[in-house]
Amino acid sequence: MNKLNLVAGLLLAASVTGAQAGVIVDRADVPANAVVIDFESHDGFVVNAGESLAIGGVTFTASEQTTFGQNIADLGENGIWGAGNKFVSFDHIGNMTLDISFNGLTTRGVAFDYSIWETDLDGSAFLTARYFDLNNNLIKSTKFIFSPFGAETYEQFQSFGYVSDSANIARVTLSGDGVVFDNLTYTQPVPEPHSIAMLLAGLGLVGAMARRRRQG
């Protein structure tokens, strides 16, 4: 990483410090410099149990069959989703988990648009999101109870996510039955503090070597 990229990373880290931490229900509340994965580049790509798929700097690992680039889903009492707009669908009948990893980097805020299969009218369907740091410590666990939109609805969704006090979210797991989600939104990952310190030390060494050459 050159000095310009390092400065950009430091400015990015500073730019997210003012965002309020906590559970969010609007993707717009993810701190600035957000990245969005809309899954439009995939077309019905099936990931089986235990397999992984990398999209950009994010790796998705499914506990059961998952389809990336799904284009339509009948969600029972939550209506129809998709019809051309591509998204991710949990294909397993029963509860399953999708692991979303930032591959050794960390981010401060994560959110997404989602709906879920719902055949009951009591709002019993739910999605659980858990957020972990690089040491696999649980930072936050959130459970959203989903109230049905109605079988005749189309493209109805909720937005859901979490903003941490610092850029310490290394991975997220989503668990539920019949989940569909789209527009995974996250703060641009930044280097960890120890990585920045090493980069600064390296830049200092390069500068010292350059001075010696000029003096020689």
Protein backbone atom coordinates (compact mmCIF):
# COMPACT_ATOMS: atom_id res chain seq x y z
CA MET A 1 0.00 0.00 0.00
CA ASN A 2 1.40 3.41 -0.94
CA LYS A 3 1.27 6.57 1.16
CA LEU A 4 -1.78 7.91 -0.71
CA ASN A 5 -3.76 4.74 -0.03
CA LEU A 6 -2.70 4.80 3.63
CA VAL A 7 -3.90 8.38 4.04
CA ALA A 8 -7.17 7.47 2.32
CA GLY A 9 -7.63 4.57 4.74
CA LEU A 10 -7.00 6.80 7.74
CA LEU A 11 -9.45 9.39 6.46
CA LEU A 12 -12.01 6.64 5.88
CA ALA A 13 -11.60 5.38 9.43
CA ALA A 14 -12.14 8.92 10.70
CA SER A 15 -15.20 9.44 8.50
CA VAL A 16 -17.23 6.66 10.18
CA THR A 17 -16.54 7.61 13.77
CA GLY A 18 -19.48 10.00 13.96
CA ALA A 19 -22.18 7.45 13.07
CA GLN A 20 -24.49 6.34 15.86
CA ALA A 21 -24.04 2.73 16.97
CA GLY A 22 -26.94 0.31 17.36
CA VAL A 23 -29.51 -1.72 15.41
CA ILE A 24 -30.70 0.02 12.23
CA VAL A 25 -33.75 -0.55 9.99
CA ASP A 26 -32.62 1.59 7.06
CA ARG A 27 -29.59 0.86 4.88
CA ALA A 28 -29.03 4.60 4.57
CA ASP A 29 -27.92 4.55 8.22
CA VAL A 30 -24.82 2.51 7.39
CA PRO A 31 -21.86 4.90 7.85
CA ALA A 32 -20.49 6.78 4.86
CA ASN A 33 -18.34 5.16 2.14
CA ALA A 34 -20.65 2.14 2.01
CA VAL A 35 -20.32 -0.72 -0.48
CA VAL A 36 -23.44 -2.43 -1.88
CA ILE A 37 -23.57 -5.98 -3.27
CA ASP A 38 -26.79 -6.35 -5.29
CA PHE A 39 -26.16 -9.91 -6.63
CA GLU A 40 -27.12 -8.86 -10.18
CA SER A 41 -23.87 -10.39 -11.50
CA HIS A 42 -25.06 -13.92 -10.62
CA ASP A 43 -27.87 -15.85 -12.28
CA GLY A 44 -29.24 -18.75 -10.28
CA PHE A 45 -25.83 -19.80 -8.93
CA VAL A 46 -26.39 -22.60 -6.38
CA VAL A 47 -24.11 -22.90 -3.35
CA ASN A 48 -24.55 -26.24 -1.61
CA ALA A 49 -24.14 -27.03 2.08
CA GLY A 50 -20.63 -26.21 3.28
CA GLU A 51 -19.60 -24.52 0.03
CA SER A 52 -18.47 -20.90 -0.35
CA LEU A 53 -18.81 -18.13 -2.90
CA ALA A 54 -16.62 -15.01 -3.05
CA ILE A 55 -18.09 -11.76 -4.34
CA GLY A 56 -15.63 -8.88 -4.26
CA GLY A 57 -14.02 -8.83 -0.83
CA VAL A 58 -16.81 -10.86 0.82
CA THR A 59 -17.08 -14.65 1.18
CA PHE A 60 -20.47 -16.34 1.65
CA THR A 61 -20.60 -19.84 3.18
CA ALA A 62 -23.93 -21.66 3.46
CA SER A 63 -24.94 -24.35 5.95
CA GLU A 64 -27.54 -25.58 3.43
CA GLN A 65 -28.39 -24.92 -0.22
CA THR A 66 -28.52 -21.24 -1.16
CA THR A 67 -29.11 -19.59 -4.54
CA PHE A 68 -27.28 -16.40 -5.54
CA GLY A 69 -28.97 -14.46 -8.33
CA GLN A 70 -32.42 -15.88 -7.64
CA ASN A 71 -35.03 -13.89 -9.57
CA ILE A 72 -38.41 -14.81 -8.12
CA ALA A 73 -39.76 -16.33 -4.90
CA ASP A 74 -43.25 -17.05 -3.58
CA LEU A 75 -43.13 -16.23 0.14
CA GLY A 76 -46.64 -17.30 1.10
CA GLU A 77 -48.20 -14.64 3.31
CA ASN A 78 -45.33 -12.29 2.42
CA GLY A 79 -46.25 -12.25 -1.25
CA ILE A 80 -43.95 -12.43 -4.27
CA TRP A 81 -40.32 -11.30 -4.37
CA GLY A 82 -38.14 -10.77 -7.39
CA ALA A 83 -39.52 -11.19 -10.92
CA GLY A 84 -36.28 -9.97 -12.51
CA ASN A 85 -34.52 -8.33 -9.58
CA LYS A 86 -31.82 -10.78 -8.49
CA PHE A 87 -31.26 -11.65 -4.84
CA VAL A 88 -30.16 -14.46 -2.49
CA SER A 89 -32.56 -17.18 -1.36
CA PHE A 90 -32.31 -19.80 1.41
CA ASP A 91 -33.53 -22.94 -0.38
CA HIS A 92 -33.46 -25.37 2.53
CA ILE A 93 -36.81 -26.21 4.17
CA GLY A 94 -36.10 -25.46 7.82
CA ASN A 95 -33.71 -23.19 9.66
CA MET A 96 -30.29 -22.61 8.08
CA THR A 97 -27.37 -20.17 8.41
CA LEU A 98 -25.35 -18.14 5.93
CA ASP A 99 -21.92 -16.92 7.05
CA ILE A 100 -20.73 -13.61 5.54
CA SER A 101 -17.00 -12.97 6.04
CA PHE A 102 -14.92 -9.89 5.19
CA ASN A 103 -11.82 -12.07 4.81
CA GLY A 104 -9.64 -10.75 7.61
CA LEU A 105 -10.77 -7.14 7.29
CA THR A 106 -13.32 -5.41 9.50
CA THR A 107 -16.23 -3.08 8.88
CA ARG A 108 -18.31 -0.87 11.14
CA GLY A 109 -21.83 -1.15 9.74
CA VAL A 110 -23.73 -3.90 7.89
CA ALA A 111 -27.33 -3.90 6.61
CA PHE A 112 -29.52 -5.55 3.95
CA ASP A 113 -33.06 -5.69 2.54
CA TYR A 114 -34.93 -8.91 3.26
CA SER A 115 -38.17 -10.83 3.49
CA ILE A 116 -38.94 -14.37 4.65
CA TRP A 117 -41.30 -17.27 3.99
CA GLU A 118 -44.41 -16.80 6.11
CA THR A 119 -47.43 -19.11 6.17
CA ASP A 120 -48.80 -18.10 9.59
CA LEU A 121 -50.49 -14.84 10.48
CA ASP A 122 -49.04 -14.58 13.97
CA GLY A 123 -45.73 -13.03 12.95
CA SER A 124 -43.80 -16.14 14.01
CA ALA A 125 -41.28 -15.96 11.17
CA PHE A 126 -37.96 -14.40 12.18
CA LEU A 127 -34.44 -13.67 11.07
CA THR A 128 -31.45 -13.69 13.43
CA ALA A 129 -28.26 -11.78 12.62
CA ARG A 130 -25.09 -12.22 14.66
CA TYR A 131 -21.98 -10.03 14.35
CA PHE A 132 -18.47 -11.28 15.25
CA ASP A 133 -15.01 -9.70 15.54
CA LEU A 134 -11.72 -11.10 14.20
CA ASN A 135 -11.31 -13.28 17.31
CA ASN A 136 -14.77 -14.78 16.74
CA ASN A 137 -16.18 -12.97 19.77
CA LEU A 138 -19.90 -12.20 19.48
CA ILE A 139 -20.35 -8.43 19.26
CA LYS A 140 -24.13 -8.33 18.83
CA SER A 141 -27.04 -10.71 18.25
CA THR A 142 -30.29 -9.31 16.86
CA LYS A 143 -33.57 -11.09 16.17
CA PHE A 144 -36.24 -9.51 14.01
CA ILE A 145 -39.80 -10.85 14.25
CA PHE A 146 -41.45 -10.51 10.87
CA SER A 147 -45.10 -9.52 10.51
CA PRO A 148 -46.71 -10.78 7.27
CA PHE A 149 -47.29 -8.31 4.44
CA GLY A 150 -50.09 -10.39 2.85
CA ALA A 151 -50.12 -13.01 0.11
CA GLU A 152 -51.06 -10.47 -2.59
CA THR A 153 -48.15 -8.11 -1.91
CA TYR A 154 -45.24 -7.69 -4.30
CA GLU A 155 -41.61 -6.82 -3.56
CA GLN A 156 -42.29 -5.87 0.08
CA PHE A 157 -39.24 -5.96 2.34
CA GLN A 158 -37.69 -4.85 5.59
CA SER A 159 -34.22 -3.36 5.99
CA PHE A 160 -32.18 -4.56 8.92
CA GLY A 161 -28.63 -4.15 10.18
CA TYR A 162 -26.23 -3.01 12.86
CA VAL A 163 -23.65 -0.26 13.34
CA SER A 164 -20.89 -0.96 15.86
CA ASP A 165 -19.00 1.52 18.06
CA SER A 166 -15.85 0.85 16.02
CA ALA A 167 -14.84 -0.90 12.80
CA ASN A 168 -14.65 -4.34 14.43
CA ILE A 169 -17.18 -6.48 12.53
CA ALA A 170 -15.25 -9.25 10.76
CA ARG A 171 -18.18 -11.49 9.82
CA VAL A 172 -21.96 -11.77 10.06
CA THR A 173 -24.23 -14.82 10.19
CA LEU A 174 -27.86 -14.78 9.05
CA SER A 175 -30.16 -17.55 10.30
CA GLY A 176 -33.77 -18.26 9.39
CA ASP A 177 -36.20 -20.39 7.39
CA GLY A 178 -37.02 -19.32 3.84
CA VAL A 179 -35.05 -16.07 3.97
CA VAL A 180 -34.50 -13.93 0.88
CA PHE A 181 -32.26 -10.87 0.97
CA ASP A 182 -30.68 -8.30 -1.30
CA ASN A 183 -28.47 -5.19 -1.35
CA LEU A 184 -25.93 -6.25 1.26
CA THR A 185 -24.55 -2.89 2.39
CA TYR A 186 -21.45 -2.41 4.51
CA THR A 187 -18.92 0.24 5.41
CA GLN A 188 -15.78 -0.04 3.30
CA PRO A 189 -13.44 -2.29 5.36
CA VAL A 190 -10.42 -0.54 6.88
CA PRO A 191 -7.07 -1.90 8.07
CA GLU A 192 -6.84 -2.94 11.70
CA PRO A 193 -4.86 -0.54 13.98
CA HIS A 194 -1.87 -2.89 14.18
CA SER A 195 -1.81 -3.08 10.37
CA ILE A 196 -1.77 0.71 10.14
CA ALA A 197 1.07 0.84 12.67
CA MET A 198 3.08 -1.65 10.61
CA LEU A 199 2.44 0.35 7.45
CA LEU A 200 3.56 3.56 9.16
CA ALA A 201 6.71 1.84 10.39
CA GLY A 202 7.39 0.58 6.89
CA LEU A 203 6.93 4.05 5.43
CA GLY A 204 9.32 5.43 8.04
CA LEU A 205 11.92 2.83 7.07
CA VAL A 206 11.53 3.65 3.37
CA GLY A 207 11.93 7.36 4.17
CA ALA A 208 15.09 6.71 6.19
CA MET A 209 16.59 4.67 3.36
CA ALA A 210 15.79 7.44 0.87
CA ARG A 211 17.51 10.04 3.09
CA ARG A 212 20.62 7.87 3.37
CA ARG A 213 20.80 7.56 -0.41
CA ARG A 214 20.55 11.33 -0.81
CA GLN A 215 23.30 11.81 1.78
CA GLY A 216 25.56 9.16 0.24
